[in-house]
N, C-alpha and C. Protein backbone atom coordinates (compact mmCIF):
# COMPACT_ATOMS: atom_id res chain seq x y z
N UNK A 1 81.63 -167.14 117.16
CA UNK A 1 80.37 -166.46 116.81
C UNK A 1 80.60 -164.95 116.74
N UNK A 2 79.99 -164.30 115.77
CA UNK A 2 80.11 -162.85 115.68
C UNK A 2 79.45 -162.21 116.90
N UNK A 3 79.92 -161.04 117.33
CA UNK A 3 79.32 -160.40 118.51
C UNK A 3 77.90 -159.94 118.25
N UNK A 4 77.00 -160.28 119.16
CA UNK A 4 75.61 -159.85 119.05
C UNK A 4 75.40 -158.66 119.98
N UNK A 5 74.89 -157.54 119.49
CA UNK A 5 74.66 -156.37 120.36
C UNK A 5 73.72 -156.73 121.52
N UNK A 6 74.11 -156.35 122.71
CA UNK A 6 73.31 -156.62 123.90
C UNK A 6 72.24 -155.54 124.07
N UNK A 7 71.15 -155.92 124.72
CA UNK A 7 70.06 -154.99 125.03
C UNK A 7 69.59 -154.24 123.78
N UNK A 8 69.47 -154.98 122.70
CA UNK A 8 69.04 -154.39 121.44
C UNK A 8 68.16 -155.39 120.71
N UNK A 9 67.10 -154.90 120.08
CA UNK A 9 66.26 -155.79 119.28
C UNK A 9 67.04 -156.26 118.05
N UNK A 10 67.00 -157.57 117.80
CA UNK A 10 67.67 -158.15 116.65
C UNK A 10 66.60 -158.60 115.65
N UNK A 11 66.76 -158.20 114.42
CA UNK A 11 65.77 -158.50 113.38
C UNK A 11 66.23 -159.68 112.54
N UNK A 12 65.32 -160.62 112.32
CA UNK A 12 65.57 -161.75 111.42
C UNK A 12 64.62 -161.65 110.23
N UNK A 13 65.19 -161.64 109.05
CA UNK A 13 64.42 -161.68 107.81
C UNK A 13 64.48 -163.10 107.27
N UNK A 14 63.37 -163.61 106.79
CA UNK A 14 63.33 -164.95 106.21
C UNK A 14 62.65 -164.90 104.86
N UNK A 15 63.28 -165.55 103.87
CA UNK A 15 62.72 -165.57 102.52
C UNK A 15 63.13 -166.86 101.83
N UNK A 16 62.42 -167.28 100.76
CA UNK A 16 62.68 -168.57 100.13
C UNK A 16 63.94 -168.63 99.29
N UNK A 17 64.37 -167.50 98.75
CA UNK A 17 65.61 -167.46 97.98
C UNK A 17 66.19 -166.05 98.02
N UNK A 18 67.43 -165.93 97.57
CA UNK A 18 68.17 -164.68 97.70
C UNK A 18 67.50 -163.54 96.94
N UNK A 19 66.88 -163.87 95.81
CA UNK A 19 66.22 -162.85 94.98
C UNK A 19 64.72 -163.04 95.07
N UNK A 20 64.14 -162.55 96.14
CA UNK A 20 62.70 -162.68 96.36
C UNK A 20 62.19 -161.46 97.11
N UNK A 21 61.01 -161.00 96.73
CA UNK A 21 60.36 -159.91 97.45
C UNK A 21 59.41 -160.42 98.53
N UNK A 22 59.26 -161.74 98.62
CA UNK A 22 58.40 -162.34 99.65
C UNK A 22 59.24 -162.58 100.90
N UNK A 23 59.10 -161.71 101.86
CA UNK A 23 59.95 -161.76 103.05
C UNK A 23 59.09 -161.59 104.29
N UNK A 24 59.46 -162.33 105.33
CA UNK A 24 58.81 -162.18 106.63
C UNK A 24 59.85 -161.70 107.64
N UNK A 25 59.38 -161.22 108.77
CA UNK A 25 60.27 -160.62 109.74
C UNK A 25 59.97 -161.14 111.14
N UNK A 26 61.01 -161.22 111.96
CA UNK A 26 60.87 -161.64 113.35
C UNK A 26 61.85 -160.82 114.17
N UNK A 27 61.43 -160.37 115.34
CA UNK A 27 62.29 -159.57 116.21
C UNK A 27 62.59 -160.36 117.48
N UNK A 28 63.89 -160.55 117.75
CA UNK A 28 64.33 -161.37 118.88
C UNK A 28 65.25 -160.59 119.80
N UNK A 29 65.44 -161.11 120.99
CA UNK A 29 66.42 -160.55 121.92
C UNK A 29 67.80 -161.08 121.54
N UNK A 30 68.84 -160.50 122.13
CA UNK A 30 70.20 -160.97 121.84
C UNK A 30 70.41 -162.41 122.31
N UNK A 31 69.80 -162.77 123.44
CA UNK A 31 69.93 -164.15 123.95
C UNK A 31 69.24 -165.13 123.01
N UNK A 32 68.04 -164.78 122.56
CA UNK A 32 67.32 -165.64 121.61
C UNK A 32 68.09 -165.77 120.30
N UNK A 33 68.73 -164.69 119.89
CA UNK A 33 69.52 -164.70 118.66
C UNK A 33 70.71 -165.64 118.77
N UNK A 34 71.42 -165.57 119.89
CA UNK A 34 72.58 -166.44 120.09
C UNK A 34 72.18 -167.91 120.05
N UNK A 35 71.06 -168.23 120.67
CA UNK A 35 70.58 -169.62 120.67
C UNK A 35 70.21 -170.07 119.26
N UNK A 36 69.55 -169.19 118.52
CA UNK A 36 69.13 -169.53 117.16
C UNK A 36 70.35 -169.80 116.28
N UNK A 37 71.37 -168.97 116.39
CA UNK A 37 72.57 -169.15 115.56
C UNK A 37 73.31 -170.42 115.95
N UNK A 38 73.39 -170.69 117.26
CA UNK A 38 74.07 -171.90 117.72
C UNK A 38 73.40 -173.16 117.19
N UNK A 39 72.08 -173.13 117.03
CA UNK A 39 71.33 -174.30 116.58
C UNK A 39 70.96 -174.23 115.09
N UNK A 40 71.53 -173.29 114.37
CA UNK A 40 71.16 -173.08 112.97
C UNK A 40 71.62 -174.25 112.10
N UNK A 41 70.75 -174.69 111.21
CA UNK A 41 71.06 -175.79 110.30
C UNK A 41 71.62 -175.23 109.00
N UNK A 42 72.95 -175.22 108.90
CA UNK A 42 73.60 -174.67 107.72
C UNK A 42 73.56 -175.62 106.53
N UNK A 43 73.13 -176.85 106.74
CA UNK A 43 73.03 -177.79 105.62
C UNK A 43 71.80 -177.51 104.76
N UNK A 44 70.76 -176.94 105.37
CA UNK A 44 69.52 -176.70 104.65
C UNK A 44 69.25 -175.23 104.37
N UNK A 45 69.88 -174.35 105.15
CA UNK A 45 69.58 -172.92 105.06
C UNK A 45 70.85 -172.10 104.94
N UNK A 46 70.69 -170.86 104.51
CA UNK A 46 71.79 -169.91 104.44
C UNK A 46 71.52 -168.77 105.41
N UNK A 47 72.61 -168.23 105.98
CA UNK A 47 72.48 -167.17 106.98
C UNK A 47 73.45 -166.04 106.66
N UNK A 48 72.91 -164.84 106.55
CA UNK A 48 73.71 -163.64 106.28
C UNK A 48 73.51 -162.66 107.43
N UNK A 49 74.50 -161.80 107.63
CA UNK A 49 74.42 -160.81 108.70
C UNK A 49 74.73 -159.43 108.13
N UNK A 50 74.09 -158.41 108.69
CA UNK A 50 74.33 -157.06 108.17
C UNK A 50 75.54 -156.42 108.84
N UNK A 51 75.85 -155.21 108.44
CA UNK A 51 77.07 -154.54 108.88
C UNK A 51 77.10 -154.24 110.37
N UNK A 52 75.94 -154.09 111.00
CA UNK A 52 75.87 -153.75 112.42
C UNK A 52 75.59 -154.95 113.33
N UNK A 53 75.52 -156.14 112.73
CA UNK A 53 75.23 -157.38 113.46
C UNK A 53 73.91 -157.34 114.23
N UNK A 54 72.98 -156.50 113.79
CA UNK A 54 71.67 -156.47 114.46
C UNK A 54 70.53 -156.87 113.53
N UNK A 55 70.89 -157.40 112.36
CA UNK A 55 69.88 -157.92 111.44
C UNK A 55 70.47 -159.11 110.68
N UNK A 56 69.70 -160.18 110.62
CA UNK A 56 70.14 -161.40 109.95
C UNK A 56 69.15 -161.75 108.85
N UNK A 57 69.68 -162.32 107.79
CA UNK A 57 68.87 -162.74 106.65
C UNK A 57 68.98 -164.25 106.51
N UNK A 58 67.83 -164.93 106.59
CA UNK A 58 67.78 -166.38 106.48
C UNK A 58 67.16 -166.76 105.14
N UNK A 59 67.87 -167.57 104.38
CA UNK A 59 67.32 -168.14 103.15
C UNK A 59 66.91 -169.56 103.47
N UNK A 60 65.62 -169.82 103.43
CA UNK A 60 65.09 -171.10 103.88
C UNK A 60 64.06 -171.63 102.90
N UNK A 61 64.06 -172.95 102.72
CA UNK A 61 63.08 -173.59 101.85
C UNK A 61 61.71 -173.72 102.50
N UNK A 62 61.66 -173.52 103.81
CA UNK A 62 60.37 -173.63 104.49
C UNK A 62 59.45 -172.50 104.03
N UNK A 63 58.19 -172.81 103.83
CA UNK A 63 57.25 -171.85 103.27
C UNK A 63 56.74 -170.89 104.34
N UNK A 64 56.86 -169.61 104.06
CA UNK A 64 56.36 -168.58 104.96
C UNK A 64 55.11 -167.96 104.33
N UNK A 65 54.12 -167.70 105.17
CA UNK A 65 52.89 -167.06 104.68
C UNK A 65 53.08 -165.54 104.73
N UNK A 66 53.38 -164.95 103.58
CA UNK A 66 53.65 -163.52 103.51
C UNK A 66 52.42 -162.78 102.99
N UNK A 67 51.89 -161.89 103.82
CA UNK A 67 50.75 -161.07 103.42
C UNK A 67 51.15 -159.61 103.51
N UNK A 68 51.05 -158.91 102.40
CA UNK A 68 51.43 -157.51 102.38
C UNK A 68 50.47 -156.73 101.50
N UNK A 69 50.47 -155.42 101.69
CA UNK A 69 49.56 -154.55 100.94
C UNK A 69 50.36 -153.47 100.24
N UNK A 70 50.09 -153.28 98.96
CA UNK A 70 50.77 -152.24 98.18
C UNK A 70 50.22 -150.88 98.57
N UNK A 71 51.11 -150.01 99.04
CA UNK A 71 50.71 -148.67 99.48
C UNK A 71 50.95 -147.61 98.40
N UNK A 72 52.04 -147.79 97.65
CA UNK A 72 52.48 -146.75 96.71
C UNK A 72 53.28 -147.41 95.60
N UNK A 73 53.10 -146.94 94.38
CA UNK A 73 53.85 -147.52 93.25
C UNK A 73 54.12 -146.45 92.20
N UNK A 74 55.41 -146.25 91.92
CA UNK A 74 55.84 -145.32 90.87
C UNK A 74 55.14 -143.97 90.93
N UNK A 75 55.07 -143.44 92.15
CA UNK A 75 54.50 -142.11 92.34
C UNK A 75 53.01 -142.08 92.56
N UNK A 76 52.36 -143.23 92.48
CA UNK A 76 50.90 -143.27 92.63
C UNK A 76 50.52 -143.91 93.97
N UNK A 77 49.72 -143.20 94.74
CA UNK A 77 49.25 -143.69 96.03
C UNK A 77 48.09 -144.66 95.82
N UNK A 78 48.18 -145.83 96.44
CA UNK A 78 47.15 -146.85 96.30
C UNK A 78 46.05 -146.73 97.36
N UNK A 79 46.28 -145.88 98.36
CA UNK A 79 45.27 -145.57 99.36
C UNK A 79 44.61 -144.24 98.99
N UNK A 80 43.41 -144.00 99.48
CA UNK A 80 42.86 -142.66 99.39
C UNK A 80 43.60 -141.78 100.40
N UNK A 81 43.51 -140.47 100.25
CA UNK A 81 44.18 -139.58 101.19
C UNK A 81 43.66 -139.78 102.60
N UNK A 82 42.36 -140.03 102.72
CA UNK A 82 41.77 -140.26 104.04
C UNK A 82 42.30 -141.56 104.65
N UNK A 83 42.39 -142.60 103.83
CA UNK A 83 42.93 -143.88 104.31
C UNK A 83 44.39 -143.73 104.74
N UNK A 84 45.15 -142.96 103.97
CA UNK A 84 46.56 -142.75 104.30
C UNK A 84 46.71 -142.04 105.63
N UNK A 85 45.94 -140.98 105.85
CA UNK A 85 46.05 -140.23 107.10
C UNK A 85 45.67 -141.10 108.29
N UNK A 86 44.62 -141.88 108.15
CA UNK A 86 44.22 -142.80 109.23
C UNK A 86 45.32 -143.81 109.49
N UNK A 87 45.89 -144.33 108.42
CA UNK A 87 46.97 -145.32 108.55
C UNK A 87 48.19 -144.72 109.25
N UNK A 88 48.60 -143.53 108.85
CA UNK A 88 49.77 -142.89 109.45
C UNK A 88 49.55 -142.59 110.92
N UNK A 89 48.34 -142.20 111.29
CA UNK A 89 48.04 -141.86 112.68
C UNK A 89 48.02 -143.10 113.58
N UNK A 90 47.70 -144.25 113.00
CA UNK A 90 47.63 -145.48 113.81
C UNK A 90 48.90 -146.33 113.69
N UNK A 91 49.85 -145.87 112.91
CA UNK A 91 51.10 -146.60 112.71
C UNK A 91 51.92 -146.61 114.00
N UNK A 92 52.56 -147.73 114.36
CA UNK A 92 53.41 -147.76 115.55
C UNK A 92 54.49 -146.69 115.50
N UNK A 93 55.00 -146.32 116.66
CA UNK A 93 55.92 -145.19 116.76
C UNK A 93 57.21 -145.40 115.96
N UNK A 94 57.82 -146.56 116.10
CA UNK A 94 59.09 -146.85 115.43
C UNK A 94 59.03 -148.29 114.92
N UNK A 95 59.22 -148.45 113.61
CA UNK A 95 59.05 -149.77 113.00
C UNK A 95 60.20 -150.07 112.05
N UNK A 96 60.44 -151.36 111.75
CA UNK A 96 61.48 -151.71 110.78
C UNK A 96 61.10 -151.26 109.37
N UNK A 97 62.08 -150.77 108.65
CA UNK A 97 61.94 -150.42 107.23
C UNK A 97 62.98 -151.24 106.46
N UNK A 98 62.52 -152.12 105.60
CA UNK A 98 63.41 -152.96 104.80
C UNK A 98 63.48 -152.42 103.38
N UNK A 99 64.71 -152.27 102.87
CA UNK A 99 64.89 -151.84 101.48
C UNK A 99 65.43 -153.01 100.66
N UNK A 100 64.77 -153.28 99.55
CA UNK A 100 65.22 -154.29 98.59
C UNK A 100 65.34 -153.64 97.22
N UNK A 101 66.25 -154.17 96.39
CA UNK A 101 66.29 -153.64 95.03
C UNK A 101 65.23 -154.34 94.18
N UNK A 102 65.14 -153.97 92.93
CA UNK A 102 64.05 -154.47 92.08
C UNK A 102 64.20 -155.95 91.75
N UNK A 103 65.39 -156.53 91.98
CA UNK A 103 65.58 -157.97 91.76
C UNK A 103 65.16 -158.80 92.97
N UNK A 104 64.93 -158.14 94.11
CA UNK A 104 64.59 -158.85 95.33
C UNK A 104 65.74 -158.98 96.29
N UNK A 105 66.89 -158.43 95.93
CA UNK A 105 68.06 -158.50 96.82
C UNK A 105 67.87 -157.52 97.98
N UNK A 106 68.13 -158.00 99.19
CA UNK A 106 67.97 -157.16 100.38
C UNK A 106 69.15 -156.20 100.49
N UNK A 107 68.86 -154.94 100.69
CA UNK A 107 69.89 -153.91 100.75
C UNK A 107 70.23 -153.50 102.17
N UNK A 108 69.22 -153.21 102.97
CA UNK A 108 69.45 -152.72 104.32
C UNK A 108 68.17 -152.80 105.14
N UNK A 109 68.35 -152.84 106.44
CA UNK A 109 67.23 -152.79 107.38
C UNK A 109 67.50 -151.62 108.32
N UNK A 110 66.60 -150.66 108.31
CA UNK A 110 66.70 -149.51 109.21
C UNK A 110 65.36 -149.37 109.93
N UNK A 111 65.20 -148.26 110.64
CA UNK A 111 63.95 -148.03 111.37
C UNK A 111 63.35 -146.71 110.90
N UNK A 112 62.06 -146.59 111.06
CA UNK A 112 61.40 -145.38 110.60
C UNK A 112 60.15 -145.07 111.38
N UNK A 113 59.64 -143.87 111.16
CA UNK A 113 58.41 -143.40 111.79
C UNK A 113 57.40 -143.03 110.70
N UNK A 114 56.23 -142.59 111.14
CA UNK A 114 55.24 -142.20 110.13
C UNK A 114 55.72 -141.02 109.29
N UNK A 115 56.54 -140.14 109.88
CA UNK A 115 57.10 -139.03 109.11
C UNK A 115 58.03 -139.54 108.02
N UNK A 116 58.75 -140.63 108.30
CA UNK A 116 59.65 -141.22 107.31
C UNK A 116 58.85 -141.71 106.11
N UNK A 117 57.77 -142.40 106.41
CA UNK A 117 56.93 -142.94 105.35
C UNK A 117 56.26 -141.82 104.55
N UNK A 118 55.80 -140.81 105.24
CA UNK A 118 55.15 -139.69 104.55
C UNK A 118 56.14 -139.03 103.57
N UNK A 119 57.37 -138.83 104.02
CA UNK A 119 58.37 -138.20 103.16
C UNK A 119 58.70 -139.09 101.96
N UNK A 120 58.76 -140.40 102.18
CA UNK A 120 59.04 -141.33 101.09
C UNK A 120 57.94 -141.27 100.03
N UNK A 121 56.71 -141.20 100.49
CA UNK A 121 55.57 -141.12 99.56
C UNK A 121 55.60 -139.81 98.77
N UNK A 122 55.94 -138.72 99.45
CA UNK A 122 55.91 -137.40 98.81
C UNK A 122 57.08 -137.19 97.85
N UNK A 123 58.24 -137.77 98.16
CA UNK A 123 59.45 -137.50 97.37
C UNK A 123 59.89 -138.66 96.48
N UNK A 124 59.49 -139.89 96.84
CA UNK A 124 59.96 -141.06 96.11
C UNK A 124 61.36 -141.49 96.49
N UNK A 125 61.90 -140.91 97.56
CA UNK A 125 63.24 -141.27 98.05
C UNK A 125 63.14 -142.10 99.32
N UNK A 126 64.01 -143.10 99.43
CA UNK A 126 64.04 -143.93 100.63
C UNK A 126 64.34 -143.09 101.86
N UNK A 127 63.42 -143.07 102.81
CA UNK A 127 63.54 -142.21 103.99
C UNK A 127 63.36 -143.04 105.25
N UNK A 128 64.16 -142.72 106.28
CA UNK A 128 64.17 -143.48 107.53
C UNK A 128 64.25 -142.51 108.70
N UNK A 129 64.37 -143.08 109.91
CA UNK A 129 64.62 -142.28 111.11
C UNK A 129 65.95 -142.73 111.67
N UNK A 130 66.87 -141.79 111.84
CA UNK A 130 68.18 -142.10 112.42
C UNK A 130 68.09 -142.02 113.94
N UNK A 131 68.25 -143.18 114.58
CA UNK A 131 68.19 -143.19 116.04
C UNK A 131 69.42 -142.54 116.66
N UNK A 132 70.56 -142.63 115.99
CA UNK A 132 71.78 -142.03 116.54
C UNK A 132 71.75 -140.50 116.45
N UNK A 133 71.14 -139.98 115.37
CA UNK A 133 71.05 -138.53 115.19
C UNK A 133 69.70 -137.97 115.62
N UNK A 134 68.78 -138.89 115.93
CA UNK A 134 67.44 -138.52 116.40
C UNK A 134 66.73 -137.59 115.42
N UNK A 135 66.71 -138.04 114.16
CA UNK A 135 66.04 -137.21 113.17
C UNK A 135 65.84 -137.92 111.85
N UNK A 136 65.23 -137.23 110.92
CA UNK A 136 64.96 -137.78 109.59
C UNK A 136 66.25 -138.11 108.87
N UNK A 137 66.24 -139.23 108.15
CA UNK A 137 67.41 -139.66 107.39
C UNK A 137 66.95 -140.05 105.99
N UNK A 138 67.33 -139.24 105.02
CA UNK A 138 67.08 -139.58 103.62
C UNK A 138 68.33 -140.27 103.10
N UNK A 139 68.19 -141.53 102.72
CA UNK A 139 69.34 -142.29 102.24
C UNK A 139 69.92 -141.61 101.00
N UNK A 140 71.23 -141.31 101.06
CA UNK A 140 71.91 -140.69 99.94
C UNK A 140 72.03 -139.19 100.02
N UNK A 141 71.42 -138.59 101.03
CA UNK A 141 71.45 -137.13 101.15
C UNK A 141 72.87 -136.61 101.31
N UNK A 142 73.72 -137.38 101.97
CA UNK A 142 75.12 -136.98 102.15
C UNK A 142 76.04 -137.69 101.16
N UNK A 143 75.78 -138.98 100.90
CA UNK A 143 76.67 -139.78 100.05
C UNK A 143 76.34 -139.69 98.57
N UNK A 144 75.10 -139.31 98.25
CA UNK A 144 74.67 -139.34 96.86
C UNK A 144 74.12 -140.69 96.45
N UNK A 145 74.12 -141.66 97.36
CA UNK A 145 73.64 -143.01 97.07
C UNK A 145 72.15 -143.11 97.38
N UNK A 146 71.37 -142.41 96.61
CA UNK A 146 69.93 -142.34 96.85
C UNK A 146 69.23 -143.66 96.53
N UNK A 147 68.07 -143.81 97.14
CA UNK A 147 67.18 -144.92 96.82
C UNK A 147 65.95 -144.34 96.12
N UNK A 148 65.81 -144.63 94.84
CA UNK A 148 64.68 -144.16 94.05
C UNK A 148 63.59 -145.23 94.10
N UNK A 149 62.56 -144.97 94.87
CA UNK A 149 61.57 -145.99 95.18
C UNK A 149 60.69 -146.34 93.98
N UNK A 150 60.36 -147.63 93.89
CA UNK A 150 59.44 -148.14 92.88
C UNK A 150 58.12 -148.56 93.51
N UNK A 151 58.20 -149.25 94.64
CA UNK A 151 57.00 -149.66 95.38
C UNK A 151 57.24 -149.51 96.88
N UNK A 152 56.16 -149.30 97.59
CA UNK A 152 56.17 -149.35 99.06
C UNK A 152 55.07 -150.31 99.48
N UNK A 153 55.45 -151.32 100.28
CA UNK A 153 54.49 -152.29 100.79
C UNK A 153 54.39 -152.16 102.31
N UNK A 154 53.24 -152.53 102.83
CA UNK A 154 53.01 -152.56 104.28
C UNK A 154 52.74 -154.00 104.70
N UNK A 155 53.44 -154.45 105.73
CA UNK A 155 53.18 -155.75 106.35
C UNK A 155 52.59 -155.48 107.73
N UNK A 156 51.60 -156.26 108.12
CA UNK A 156 50.89 -155.97 109.36
C UNK A 156 51.17 -156.95 110.50
N UNK A 157 51.71 -158.12 110.23
CA UNK A 157 51.87 -159.12 111.29
C UNK A 157 53.18 -159.88 111.14
N UNK A 158 54.26 -159.34 111.77
CA UNK A 158 54.34 -158.07 112.50
C UNK A 158 54.44 -156.89 111.53
N UNK A 159 54.32 -155.71 112.07
CA UNK A 159 54.26 -154.50 111.25
C UNK A 159 55.66 -154.11 110.77
N UNK A 160 55.81 -153.94 109.47
CA UNK A 160 57.02 -153.33 108.93
C UNK A 160 56.75 -152.79 107.53
N UNK A 161 57.64 -151.91 107.08
CA UNK A 161 57.54 -151.28 105.77
C UNK A 161 58.58 -151.90 104.85
N UNK A 162 58.18 -152.16 103.62
CA UNK A 162 59.08 -152.74 102.62
C UNK A 162 59.20 -151.80 101.43
N UNK A 163 60.43 -151.30 101.22
CA UNK A 163 60.71 -150.49 100.04
C UNK A 163 61.26 -151.39 98.94
N UNK A 164 60.80 -151.20 97.72
CA UNK A 164 61.44 -151.78 96.54
C UNK A 164 62.00 -150.60 95.75
N UNK A 165 63.31 -150.63 95.48
CA UNK A 165 63.97 -149.41 95.03
C UNK A 165 65.04 -149.66 93.98
N UNK A 166 65.31 -148.64 93.19
CA UNK A 166 66.53 -148.58 92.40
C UNK A 166 67.59 -147.98 93.31
N UNK A 167 68.66 -148.73 93.56
CA UNK A 167 69.71 -148.26 94.45
C UNK A 167 70.81 -147.61 93.63
N UNK A 168 71.10 -146.35 93.93
CA UNK A 168 72.20 -145.65 93.29
C UNK A 168 73.45 -145.83 94.15
N UNK A 169 74.47 -146.47 93.61
CA UNK A 169 75.69 -146.70 94.37
C UNK A 169 75.50 -147.73 95.45
N UNK A 170 76.21 -147.55 96.56
CA UNK A 170 76.19 -148.52 97.65
C UNK A 170 75.08 -148.22 98.65
N UNK A 171 74.39 -149.26 99.08
CA UNK A 171 73.39 -149.09 100.14
C UNK A 171 74.05 -149.04 101.51
N UNK A 172 75.19 -149.70 101.64
CA UNK A 172 75.86 -149.82 102.94
C UNK A 172 76.93 -148.74 103.11
N UNK A 173 77.04 -148.22 104.32
CA UNK A 173 78.04 -147.18 104.60
C UNK A 173 79.46 -147.71 104.49
N UNK A 174 79.63 -149.04 104.49
CA UNK A 174 80.96 -149.64 104.33
C UNK A 174 81.44 -149.59 102.89
N UNK A 175 80.53 -149.29 101.96
CA UNK A 175 80.89 -149.24 100.55
C UNK A 175 80.40 -150.42 99.75
N UNK A 176 79.86 -151.43 100.44
CA UNK A 176 79.30 -152.59 99.73
C UNK A 176 77.90 -152.26 99.22
N UNK A 177 77.52 -152.94 98.14
CA UNK A 177 76.21 -152.69 97.54
C UNK A 177 75.09 -152.94 98.54
N UNK A 178 75.22 -154.00 99.32
CA UNK A 178 74.22 -154.38 100.33
C UNK A 178 74.87 -154.45 101.70
N UNK A 179 74.09 -154.17 102.73
CA UNK A 179 74.58 -154.34 104.10
C UNK A 179 74.79 -155.81 104.45
N UNK A 180 74.13 -156.70 103.70
CA UNK A 180 74.26 -158.14 103.96
C UNK A 180 75.38 -158.71 103.11
N UNK A 181 76.61 -158.26 103.40
CA UNK A 181 77.75 -158.66 102.57
C UNK A 181 78.56 -159.81 103.18
N UNK A 182 78.07 -160.37 104.30
CA UNK A 182 78.76 -161.51 104.92
C UNK A 182 77.81 -162.68 105.09
N UNK A 183 78.28 -163.85 104.72
CA UNK A 183 77.52 -165.07 104.93
C UNK A 183 78.19 -165.87 106.04
N UNK A 184 77.39 -166.32 107.00
CA UNK A 184 77.90 -167.13 108.10
C UNK A 184 77.79 -168.60 107.74
N UNK A 185 78.71 -169.38 108.31
CA UNK A 185 78.72 -170.81 108.03
C UNK A 185 79.05 -171.62 109.27
N UNK A 186 79.29 -172.88 109.07
CA UNK A 186 79.62 -173.77 110.19
C UNK A 186 80.92 -173.34 110.85
N UNK A 187 81.02 -173.70 112.14
CA UNK A 187 82.24 -173.43 112.91
C UNK A 187 82.62 -171.95 112.89
N UNK A 188 81.60 -171.10 112.95
CA UNK A 188 81.79 -169.65 113.01
C UNK A 188 82.52 -169.08 111.79
N UNK A 189 82.45 -169.75 110.66
CA UNK A 189 83.11 -169.24 109.46
C UNK A 189 82.32 -168.06 108.88
N UNK A 190 83.06 -167.15 108.26
CA UNK A 190 82.46 -165.97 107.63
C UNK A 190 83.06 -165.82 106.23
N UNK A 191 82.20 -165.68 105.23
CA UNK A 191 82.67 -165.44 103.87
C UNK A 191 82.00 -164.18 103.33
N UNK A 192 82.67 -163.52 102.39
CA UNK A 192 82.16 -162.27 101.84
C UNK A 192 81.37 -162.54 100.56
N UNK A 193 80.22 -161.90 100.48
CA UNK A 193 79.32 -162.09 99.33
C UNK A 193 79.86 -161.38 98.10
N UNK A 194 80.45 -160.20 98.30
CA UNK A 194 80.94 -159.39 97.18
C UNK A 194 82.47 -159.40 97.17
N UNK A 195 83.03 -159.47 95.98
CA UNK A 195 84.49 -159.47 95.85
C UNK A 195 85.07 -158.07 95.92
N UNK A 196 84.24 -157.06 95.75
CA UNK A 196 84.73 -155.69 95.83
C UNK A 196 83.59 -154.75 96.24
N UNK A 197 83.99 -153.58 96.68
CA UNK A 197 83.00 -152.56 97.04
C UNK A 197 82.57 -151.80 95.79
N UNK A 198 81.47 -151.09 95.91
CA UNK A 198 80.96 -150.33 94.77
C UNK A 198 82.00 -149.30 94.33
N UNK A 199 82.34 -149.32 93.05
CA UNK A 199 83.32 -148.37 92.52
C UNK A 199 84.73 -148.87 92.52
N UNK A 200 84.99 -149.98 93.22
CA UNK A 200 86.33 -150.57 93.23
C UNK A 200 86.49 -151.51 92.04
N UNK A 201 87.70 -151.58 91.50
CA UNK A 201 87.99 -152.53 90.44
C UNK A 201 88.36 -153.86 91.06
N UNK A 202 88.13 -154.96 90.32
CA UNK A 202 88.44 -156.29 90.83
C UNK A 202 89.94 -156.50 90.93
């Protein structure tokens, strides 16, 4: 089994197919995660893991009830300014931010604050909060691999933000297009989703 970070919240994303914007989220402990993986049914479902082993993507035929609200689209705010300010003030301190490309492919799962969301709305760039640097993180600010947002959705139960974006270059710091570049299988097997990193020749 791949190493699961201890004393850290582990995020599970679940969706009906690999290219879908209908996604639900669940946050588990490391112990709960280990049990789930040990009992995972690989005959019916697919399981992917991100680069930091703290987020898993489950492709499952089971139907999930996904309820989300469109907050912003192509530069246009779908809330009134008053509604937005109330929303930002009542938003939890630190929440998951999921980035998907326009096809529905999951790119990365990071964390963000209300300031992250405000900046994303104002600039149209994928913005997060870096826990390691304790500050604002605009994806691509250093690498040039920006996320040009198309839509921003809000999920309330549990609370998380969903970006739909045009991804420039690689979303993952490893050089892969997506952070979910490994698929897990039976008997602890691991296979790579991509044959090469962004910019590499086959």
